[in-house]
């Protein structure tokens, strides 16, 4: 079982959002997290721009997880 503390550990961090079948990558900030049907989702907003949306965690690459 995932605790609220575990879900919240990445909120406020920056990441890169990759979208399937698109060459674009977007800098985002994680603003929320949830477990949905056993999958971890992050709600993100762009670092520059407007809007927010939910994405599965495998599409959101945290800054400290990116290869050098």
C-alpha atoms as a PDB file:
ATOM      1  CA  UNK A   1       0.000   0.000   0.000  1.00  0.00           C
ATOM      2  CA  UNK A   2       1.273   3.454  -0.911  1.00  0.00           C
ATOM      3  CA  UNK A   3       1.116   6.095   1.791  1.00  0.00           C
ATOM      4  CA  UNK A   4       0.342   9.770   1.277  1.00  0.00           C
ATOM      5  CA  UNK A   5       3.927  10.565   2.244  1.00  0.00           C
ATOM      6  CA  UNK A   6       5.271   8.239  -0.460  1.00  0.00           C
ATOM      7  CA  UNK A   7       2.946   9.754  -3.064  1.00  0.00           C
ATOM      8  CA  UNK A   8       3.986  13.274  -2.081  1.00  0.00           C
ATOM      9  CA  UNK A   9       7.743  12.774  -2.202  1.00  0.00           C
ATOM     10  CA  UNK A  10       8.059  14.131  -5.775  1.00  0.00           C
ATOM     11  CA  UNK A  11       5.564  16.993  -5.564  1.00  0.00           C
ATOM     12  CA  UNK A  12       7.283  20.287  -6.372  1.00  0.00           C
ATOM     13  CA  UNK A  13      10.128  18.623  -8.286  1.00  0.00           C
ATOM     14  CA  UNK A  14      10.958  19.282 -11.928  1.00  0.00           C
ATOM     15  CA  UNK A  15      10.946  16.588 -14.584  1.00  0.00           C
ATOM     16  CA  UNK A  16      10.775  15.984 -18.317  1.00  0.00           C
ATOM     17  CA  UNK A  17       7.496  14.793 -19.817  1.00  0.00           C
ATOM     18  CA  UNK A  18       7.752  12.541 -22.869  1.00  0.00           C
ATOM     19  CA  UNK A  19       4.701  11.745 -24.943  1.00  0.00           C
ATOM     20  CA  UNK A  20       4.247   8.543 -26.957  1.00  0.00           C
ATOM     21  CA  UNK A  21       4.633   8.961 -30.722  1.00  0.00           C
ATOM     22  CA  UNK A  22       5.944  12.522 -30.343  1.00  0.00           C
ATOM     23  CA  UNK A  23       9.511  13.809 -30.617  1.00  0.00           C
ATOM     24  CA  UNK A  24       8.742  16.642 -28.181  1.00  0.00           C
ATOM     25  CA  UNK A  25       9.820  16.702 -24.553  1.00  0.00           C
ATOM     26  CA  UNK A  26       8.510  19.212 -22.055  1.00  0.00           C
ATOM     27  CA  UNK A  27       9.944  20.582 -18.802  1.00  0.00           C
ATOM     28  CA  UNK A  28       7.278  20.205 -16.140  1.00  0.00           C
ATOM     29  CA  UNK A  29       6.722  20.553 -12.401  1.00  0.00           C
ATOM     30  CA  UNK A  30       4.944  17.764 -10.537  1.00  0.00           C
ATOM     31  CA  UNK A  31       1.995  19.209  -8.635  1.00  0.00           C
ATOM     32  CA  UNK A  32       0.175  16.062  -7.454  1.00  0.00           C
ATOM     33  CA  UNK A  33       0.387  12.261  -7.424  1.00  0.00           C
ATOM     34  CA  UNK A  34      -2.134   9.439  -7.216  1.00  0.00           C
ATOM     35  CA  UNK A  35      -2.428   5.672  -7.425  1.00  0.00           C
ATOM     36  CA  UNK A  36      -5.055   4.648  -9.977  1.00  0.00           C
ATOM     37  CA  UNK A  37      -5.777   0.977 -10.671  1.00  0.00           C
ATOM     38  CA  UNK A  38      -2.300   0.086  -9.402  1.00  0.00           C
ATOM     39  CA  UNK A  39      -0.525   2.687 -11.564  1.00  0.00           C
ATOM     40  CA  UNK A  40       1.267   5.779 -10.301  1.00  0.00           C
ATOM     41  CA  UNK A  41       0.178   8.975 -12.051  1.00  0.00           C
ATOM     42  CA  UNK A  42       1.605  12.475 -11.746  1.00  0.00           C
ATOM     43  CA  UNK A  43      -0.295  15.693 -12.312  1.00  0.00           C
ATOM     44  CA  UNK A  44       2.085  18.086 -14.029  1.00  0.00           C
ATOM     45  CA  UNK A  45       2.159  21.659 -15.263  1.00  0.00           C
ATOM     46  CA  UNK A  46       4.637  23.143 -17.736  1.00  0.00           C
ATOM     47  CA  UNK A  47       7.559  25.169 -16.376  1.00  0.00           C
ATOM     48  CA  UNK A  48       6.791  27.762 -19.084  1.00  0.00           C
ATOM     49  CA  UNK A  49       3.211  27.942 -20.263  1.00  0.00           C
ATOM     50  CA  UNK A  50      -0.197  27.188 -18.809  1.00  0.00           C
ATOM     51  CA  UNK A  51      -2.345  24.176 -18.026  1.00  0.00           C
ATOM     52  CA  UNK A  52      -2.062  20.955 -16.069  1.00  0.00           C
ATOM     53  CA  UNK A  53      -2.801  17.309 -16.793  1.00  0.00           C
ATOM     54  CA  UNK A  54      -2.342  13.776 -15.427  1.00  0.00           C
ATOM     55  CA  UNK A  55       0.238  11.388 -16.942  1.00  0.00           C
ATOM     56  CA  UNK A  56       1.449   7.916 -16.054  1.00  0.00           C
ATOM     57  CA  UNK A  57       4.699   8.010 -14.093  1.00  0.00           C
ATOM     58  CA  UNK A  58       6.722   6.185 -16.775  1.00  0.00           C
ATOM     59  CA  UNK A  59       6.242   9.230 -19.040  1.00  0.00           C
ATOM     60  CA  UNK A  60       7.561  11.648 -16.396  1.00  0.00           C
ATOM     61  CA  UNK A  61      11.336  11.458 -15.988  1.00  0.00           C
ATOM     62  CA  UNK A  62      12.544  13.118 -12.805  1.00  0.00           C
ATOM     63  CA  UNK A  63      15.614  15.342 -13.126  1.00  0.00           C
ATOM     64  CA  UNK A  64      17.716  13.082 -10.878  1.00  0.00           C
ATOM     65  CA  UNK A  65      16.779  10.020 -12.995  1.00  0.00           C
ATOM     66  CA  UNK A  66      17.970  11.427 -16.328  1.00  0.00           C
ATOM     67  CA  UNK A  67      21.202  10.041 -17.703  1.00  0.00           C
ATOM     68  CA  UNK A  68      24.078  12.445 -18.062  1.00  0.00           C
END
